[in-house]
Amino acid sequence: MQKILIIEDDRELNKGISYALGKAGYRTVSAYSLEQAEFSYREGEPDLILLDINLPDGEGFEFCRQVKKNSSTPVMFLTARDLERDALKGYDAGADDYVTKPFSINVLMKKVGVMLKRTEGSRPQIYDDGFLRVDFDAAKVRAGAAECILTPTEFRILRLFIENRGQLLTYSVLLERLWDSQGQFVDKHTLAVNMNRLRGKIEDGQHKYISNVYGMGYQWLK
């Protein structure tokens, strides 16, 4: 399920966008300030960011710049600032689209769908650092010369880490993302067991990938 971060301090508008996106099958996370947005972003990179400019603790331009420095996550501004210079400033900050308020929710939904479809192919299909090689399409993993046989849960964990390299994935984020659609779920103990098994399969004395940040979660080191 694709995840969309909505950064909008108008709570009714934020709620309305979140409702429409949720109804269309997207998973949404709401933030009402830059501080909340930064926290939510660190918990797990979204597939798309909807970003207001005028926020209680600053402007969205700098947040967009910071995201684009380290990520290809698409950013769409949703703002009442309709002057040409503001739109140009938004695109200069790295925005993929600039939508002015008021806007049609139906048009917004269409734009979201097109943008996510366009960027879907940019997700890494192969990870290869010279020791560990992961082919996501074929679901094959090699560590050195050895093929690694992973369980479906271990493979989902590995994908999460590689798609969110360098970010701390908290226990709550990992548990939420690993929830099984058939009603089964991964609890914290099961998560730790799977994490240890995965590390045993892909790591050796010279290659360490997963760090346990005590009391918080896990982080991919590479």
Foldseek 3Di string as FASTA:
>chain_A
DFEEEEADQPVVVQVVLCVVVVVVPYHYDYHQAVVRVVVVCLQANGQEYEAEQDGPVHGCLVVLLVCVVPDPRAYEYEYQPDDPVVQVSNVVSPHPYYHYPPDDSVVVVVVVVVVSVVCVVVQDQWDPPPAWIARNVVRWIGGHPRTFDADPLLSQVVSRQVSGAPGFHWPVNSQVSSQDPVRDGADPVNVVVSVVVSCVRHHDPVDGFWDAPPPTGIHGHD
